[in-house]
């Protein structure tokens, strides 16, 4: 395997140890539903049942999932390429899907460092795929929950990978719409407070602004599976960026955020229903 070299936080030997991980495959999980919509294989019957119901009601759901993945690629490539960011803190990582965030940014500069954070046991089970850093850079995986940022920020792997006195890009892609405002805003603000000036926030969040009927159907399908969804207006999503300097073009539907040739920028607005934005901490 490619590794981080001698400084890797989790070693290959540690990965070879048997892990007792309860994947809770008897109930659907948003990350595995997303994986299925992306054409992945890390999903189970409960996940596929939800996804198939979504697709029956909303045939464009696969295009929407691909657009959500593609905007992350564009955001982190812009951060590494245009803004020279070399450190990334990705919270709510989800199931590894090539290319992963570190593969994108290390293709710009091999010295980039990435910490992945997630509390889903299936991400832990597949976290080896997140530790395939270039020799010049470093990646780490930390078990943690967005709602408790102090806990994962205190993990030794964070200090071993990131220098929190230098700018860091905090990426929150497709995660805050699974939390209420009361649950999401305080920890996001505490994370931003922990990062130095010059850091960035990249965030995407579900909305019903552009297709309320379709989003109501999708939300109902998730709710039937016990997955809570909180969609937000554009103004509500912009609240996450309060006090930050929004990058052009501001908070927009993700298919309209710096579309690039070869990516699903032609997806209809009605099939996306996710806002995205990028902003700098002054």
Protein backbone atom coordinates (compact mmCIF):
# COMPACT_ATOMS: atom_id res chain seq x y z
CA UNK A 1 0.00 0.00 0.00
CA UNK A 2 1.01 3.63 -0.45
CA UNK A 3 1.55 5.08 2.99
CA UNK A 4 2.51 8.22 4.78
CA UNK A 5 5.91 6.72 5.52
CA UNK A 6 7.31 6.43 9.05
CA UNK A 7 5.16 9.34 10.28
CA UNK A 8 1.87 7.66 9.36
CA UNK A 9 -0.54 7.88 12.29
CA UNK A 10 -2.13 4.48 11.71
CA UNK A 11 0.30 1.82 10.57
CA UNK A 12 -0.34 -1.07 8.20
CA UNK A 13 0.14 -3.48 11.10
CA UNK A 14 -2.58 -1.73 13.05
CA UNK A 15 -4.93 -2.07 10.11
CA UNK A 16 -4.18 -5.77 9.93
CA UNK A 17 -5.48 -6.29 13.46
CA UNK A 18 -9.03 -7.70 13.62
CA UNK A 19 -11.60 -4.99 14.27
CA UNK A 20 -14.89 -5.54 16.02
CA UNK A 21 -17.02 -2.96 14.23
CA UNK A 22 -20.80 -3.03 14.30
CA UNK A 23 -21.76 -1.70 10.87
CA UNK A 24 -25.50 -1.73 11.71
CA UNK A 25 -26.30 -3.01 8.24
CA UNK A 26 -29.90 -3.77 9.14
CA UNK A 27 -30.87 -0.11 8.85
CA UNK A 28 -30.20 2.46 6.17
CA UNK A 29 -27.41 5.00 6.59
CA UNK A 30 -27.22 8.24 4.62
CA UNK A 31 -23.57 7.65 3.65
CA UNK A 32 -24.34 4.20 2.24
CA UNK A 33 -27.42 5.45 0.38
CA UNK A 34 -25.16 8.12 -1.14
CA UNK A 35 -22.57 5.48 -2.00
CA UNK A 36 -25.20 3.43 -3.83
CA UNK A 37 -26.39 6.48 -5.77
CA UNK A 38 -22.78 7.09 -6.80
CA UNK A 39 -22.51 3.52 -8.08
CA UNK A 40 -20.42 2.30 -5.15
CA UNK A 41 -20.42 -1.14 -3.57
CA UNK A 42 -20.25 -0.25 0.13
CA UNK A 43 -23.97 -0.54 0.79
CA UNK A 44 -26.48 -3.10 1.99
CA UNK A 45 -30.11 -4.08 1.26
CA UNK A 46 -31.54 -1.51 3.68
CA UNK A 47 -29.57 1.25 1.95
CA UNK A 48 -30.46 0.09 -1.54
CA UNK A 49 -34.13 -0.09 -0.63
CA UNK A 50 -34.15 3.59 0.34
CA UNK A 51 -32.13 4.58 -2.70
CA UNK A 52 -34.35 2.61 -5.08
CA UNK A 53 -37.43 4.31 -3.64
CA UNK A 54 -35.74 7.66 -4.17
CA UNK A 55 -34.90 6.78 -7.75
CA UNK A 56 -38.44 5.61 -8.43
CA UNK A 57 -39.74 9.00 -7.32
CA UNK A 58 -36.77 11.10 -8.44
CA UNK A 59 -34.94 9.57 -11.42
CA UNK A 60 -32.38 12.38 -11.33
CA UNK A 61 -31.12 11.43 -7.86
CA UNK A 62 -27.99 9.80 -9.26
CA UNK A 63 -27.08 12.96 -11.15
CA UNK A 64 -27.65 14.97 -7.99
CA UNK A 65 -25.34 12.71 -5.99
CA UNK A 66 -22.65 12.97 -8.68
CA UNK A 67 -22.97 16.76 -8.64
CA UNK A 68 -22.54 16.78 -4.86
CA UNK A 69 -19.34 14.79 -5.16
CA UNK A 70 -18.04 16.89 -8.05
CA UNK A 71 -18.44 20.20 -6.22
CA UNK A 72 -16.20 18.92 -3.42
CA UNK A 73 -13.54 18.16 -6.02
CA UNK A 74 -13.84 21.66 -7.49
CA UNK A 75 -13.79 23.37 -4.10
CA UNK A 76 -10.67 21.65 -2.77
CA UNK A 77 -8.88 21.96 -6.10
CA UNK A 78 -9.57 25.70 -6.03
CA UNK A 79 -8.40 25.91 -2.42
CA UNK A 80 -5.12 24.16 -3.17
CA UNK A 81 -4.58 25.69 -6.61
CA UNK A 82 -5.79 29.28 -6.42
CA UNK A 83 -5.45 29.95 -2.70
CA UNK A 84 -2.44 27.80 -1.86
CA UNK A 85 -4.06 25.96 1.04
CA UNK A 86 -1.98 22.98 2.09
CA UNK A 87 -3.95 21.74 5.12
CA UNK A 88 -7.47 20.29 5.12
CA UNK A 89 -9.83 19.18 7.89
CA UNK A 90 -12.66 17.15 6.37
CA UNK A 91 -15.51 16.51 8.83
CA UNK A 92 -18.21 14.05 7.84
CA UNK A 93 -15.92 12.33 5.35
CA UNK A 94 -18.25 9.54 4.29
CA UNK A 95 -17.34 6.33 2.54
CA UNK A 96 -14.08 6.60 0.59
CA UNK A 97 -14.70 7.15 -3.12
CA UNK A 98 -11.82 7.67 -5.54
CA UNK A 99 -10.66 10.30 -6.04
CA UNK A 100 -10.72 11.18 -2.37
CA UNK A 101 -10.03 14.68 -1.10
CA UNK A 102 -6.34 14.04 -0.45
CA UNK A 103 -5.88 12.65 -3.94
CA UNK A 104 -7.29 15.86 -5.43
CA UNK A 105 -5.23 18.29 -3.37
CA UNK A 106 -2.02 16.24 -3.46
CA UNK A 107 -2.26 16.22 -7.25
CA UNK A 108 -1.88 20.01 -6.95
CA UNK A 109 0.86 19.84 -4.31
CA UNK A 110 2.09 16.49 -2.96
CA UNK A 111 2.91 18.11 0.40
CA UNK A 112 -0.76 18.71 1.30
CA UNK A 113 -1.95 17.30 4.62
CA UNK A 114 -5.46 16.04 5.33
CA UNK A 115 -7.30 14.93 8.45
CA UNK A 116 -10.52 13.02 7.85
CA UNK A 117 -13.16 12.91 10.61
CA UNK A 118 -16.25 10.70 10.76
CA UNK A 119 -18.27 8.78 13.32
CA UNK A 120 -19.74 6.18 10.96
CA UNK A 121 -18.34 2.71 11.72
CA UNK A 122 -18.30 1.77 8.05
CA UNK A 123 -15.96 4.68 7.32
CA UNK A 124 -13.65 3.32 10.01
CA UNK A 125 -13.83 -0.09 8.33
CA UNK A 126 -12.71 1.46 5.04
CA UNK A 127 -10.45 4.18 6.43
CA UNK A 128 -7.33 2.49 5.06
CA UNK A 129 -8.27 3.96 1.68
CA UNK A 130 -8.00 7.42 3.25
CA UNK A 131 -4.39 6.92 4.34
CA UNK A 132 -2.75 6.53 0.93
CA UNK A 133 -0.83 9.79 1.10
CA UNK A 134 2.07 10.86 -1.03
CA UNK A 135 5.45 10.55 0.73
CA UNK A 136 5.68 14.34 0.88
CA UNK A 137 2.27 14.81 2.50
CA UNK A 138 0.30 13.14 5.24
CA UNK A 139 -3.22 11.92 5.91
CA UNK A 140 -4.92 10.77 9.09
CA UNK A 141 -8.33 9.41 10.04
CA UNK A 142 -9.93 10.38 13.35
CA UNK A 143 -13.16 9.07 14.78
CA UNK A 144 -15.26 12.08 15.71
CA UNK A 145 -18.62 13.81 15.55
CA UNK A 146 -19.23 17.30 14.15
CA UNK A 147 -21.36 18.03 17.21
CA UNK A 148 -18.35 17.53 19.49
CA UNK A 149 -15.44 19.31 17.76
CA UNK A 150 -13.35 19.74 20.89
CA UNK A 151 -13.02 15.97 21.21
CA UNK A 152 -11.60 15.31 17.77
CA UNK A 153 -9.50 18.48 17.73
CA UNK A 154 -7.78 17.13 20.85
CA UNK A 155 -6.93 13.84 19.16
CA UNK A 156 -3.12 13.50 18.86
CA UNK A 157 -3.51 12.60 15.18
CA UNK A 158 -4.71 16.13 14.46
CA UNK A 159 -1.65 17.74 16.02
CA UNK A 160 0.58 15.18 14.28
CA UNK A 161 -0.88 16.08 10.89
CA UNK A 162 -1.98 19.72 10.93
CA UNK A 163 -0.35 22.91 12.16
CA UNK A 164 -3.29 24.89 13.54
CA UNK A 165 -1.24 28.09 13.55
CA UNK A 166 -1.30 28.00 9.73
CA UNK A 167 -4.39 28.26 7.47
CA UNK A 168 -6.61 25.19 7.28
CA UNK A 169 -9.53 24.50 4.96
CA UNK A 170 -12.50 23.13 6.91
CA UNK A 171 -14.69 21.10 4.57
CA UNK A 172 -18.27 20.26 5.56
CA UNK A 173 -19.74 18.62 2.49
CA UNK A 174 -23.23 17.08 2.63
CA UNK A 175 -23.31 16.92 6.42
CA UNK A 176 -25.11 19.92 7.97
CA UNK A 177 -28.45 19.01 6.37
CA UNK A 178 -28.56 16.00 8.68
CA UNK A 179 -28.49 18.37 11.69
CA UNK A 180 -30.86 21.04 12.93
CA UNK A 181 -29.70 24.66 13.20
CA UNK A 182 -29.41 24.21 16.97
CA UNK A 183 -27.15 21.18 16.50
CA UNK A 184 -25.09 22.46 13.56
CA UNK A 185 -24.31 26.16 14.03
CA UNK A 186 -22.55 26.12 17.44
CA UNK A 187 -20.00 23.42 16.57
CA UNK A 188 -19.30 24.91 13.14
CA UNK A 189 -18.59 28.23 14.81
CA UNK A 190 -16.35 26.57 17.42
CA UNK A 191 -14.39 24.86 14.67
CA UNK A 192 -13.90 28.14 12.82
CA UNK A 193 -12.85 29.83 16.06
CA UNK A 194 -10.17 27.16 16.50
CA UNK A 195 -8.63 27.92 13.09
CA UNK A 196 -6.34 30.86 12.35
CA UNK A 197 -6.98 33.82 10.08
CA UNK A 198 -6.60 32.87 6.44
CA UNK A 199 -8.41 29.58 6.92
CA UNK A 200 -11.40 28.64 4.76
CA UNK A 201 -14.82 27.05 5.12
CA UNK A 202 -16.17 24.94 2.25
CA UNK A 203 -19.75 23.86 2.91
CA UNK A 204 -22.71 22.37 1.09
CA UNK A 205 -26.25 22.01 2.44
CA UNK A 206 -29.57 20.73 1.12
CA UNK A 207 -32.35 23.09 0.11
CA UNK A 208 -35.93 22.99 -1.09
CA UNK A 209 -35.78 26.45 -2.68
CA UNK A 210 -35.48 25.21 -6.24
CA UNK A 211 -37.65 22.07 -6.21
CA UNK A 212 -39.89 21.97 -3.11
CA UNK A 213 -42.11 19.11 -4.28
CA UNK A 214 -39.22 16.84 -5.22
CA UNK A 215 -37.32 17.62 -2.02
CA UNK A 216 -40.42 16.90 0.07
CA UNK A 217 -40.62 13.46 -1.54
CA UNK A 218 -36.94 12.77 -0.96
CA UNK A 219 -37.09 13.95 2.65
CA UNK A 220 -40.07 11.69 3.25
CA UNK A 221 -38.20 8.68 1.89
CA UNK A 222 -35.27 9.39 4.21
CA UNK A 223 -37.61 9.95 7.16
CA UNK A 224 -39.27 6.59 6.52
CA UNK A 225 -35.83 5.03 6.99
CA UNK A 226 -35.20 6.96 10.21
CA UNK A 227 -32.84 9.51 8.61
CA UNK A 228 -33.55 13.08 9.64
CA UNK A 229 -33.08 15.77 6.99
CA UNK A 230 -33.10 19.55 7.52
CA UNK A 231 -33.26 21.54 4.29
CA UNK A 232 -32.49 25.27 4.35
CA UNK A 233 -33.17 28.38 2.36
CA UNK A 234 -30.28 30.20 0.70
CA UNK A 235 -30.33 32.81 3.47
CA UNK A 236 -30.17 30.06 6.11
CA UNK A 237 -27.17 28.47 4.41
CA UNK A 238 -25.45 31.85 4.19
CA UNK A 239 -25.67 32.05 8.00
CA UNK A 240 -22.92 29.43 8.22
CA UNK A 241 -20.60 31.93 6.50
CA UNK A 242 -21.36 34.87 8.82
CA UNK A 243 -18.22 36.91 9.45
CA UNK A 244 -16.34 35.25 6.61
CA UNK A 245 -15.35 36.59 3.17
CA UNK A 246 -17.38 34.67 0.59
CA UNK A 247 -15.59 33.60 -2.54
CA UNK A 248 -17.22 34.33 -5.90
CA UNK A 249 -20.02 33.48 -6.77
CA UNK A 250 -21.23 33.27 -3.16
CA UNK A 251 -23.74 30.66 -2.00
CA UNK A 252 -25.29 29.10 -5.10
CA UNK A 253 -26.68 25.77 -6.25
CA UNK A 254 -23.72 23.42 -6.53
CA UNK A 255 -24.14 22.82 -10.26
CA UNK A 256 -23.58 26.59 -10.67
CA UNK A 257 -20.49 26.78 -8.46
CA UNK A 258 -17.54 27.11 -10.85
CA UNK A 259 -18.68 24.40 -13.29
CA UNK A 260 -15.84 22.81 -15.21
CA UNK A 261 -15.62 20.96 -18.47
CA UNK A 262 -16.11 17.23 -17.99
CA UNK A 263 -18.03 17.48 -14.72
CA UNK A 264 -21.84 17.26 -14.31
CA UNK A 265 -22.37 21.02 -14.57
CA UNK A 266 -25.33 20.50 -16.91
CA UNK A 267 -27.41 18.81 -14.20
CA UNK A 268 -30.76 20.57 -13.88
CA UNK A 269 -31.33 22.74 -10.81
CA UNK A 270 -34.30 20.56 -9.86
CA UNK A 271 -32.01 17.52 -9.59
CA UNK A 272 -29.46 19.19 -7.34
CA UNK A 273 -31.26 20.89 -4.42
CA UNK A 274 -27.98 21.63 -2.63
CA UNK A 275 -26.33 24.98 -2.02
CA UNK A 276 -22.59 25.36 -1.75
CA UNK A 277 -20.14 28.08 -0.86
CA UNK A 278 -16.52 28.80 -0.04
CA UNK A 279 -15.32 31.56 2.27
CA UNK A 280 -12.15 32.84 3.92
CA UNK A 281 -11.72 33.70 7.60
CA UNK A 282 -10.30 37.23 7.77
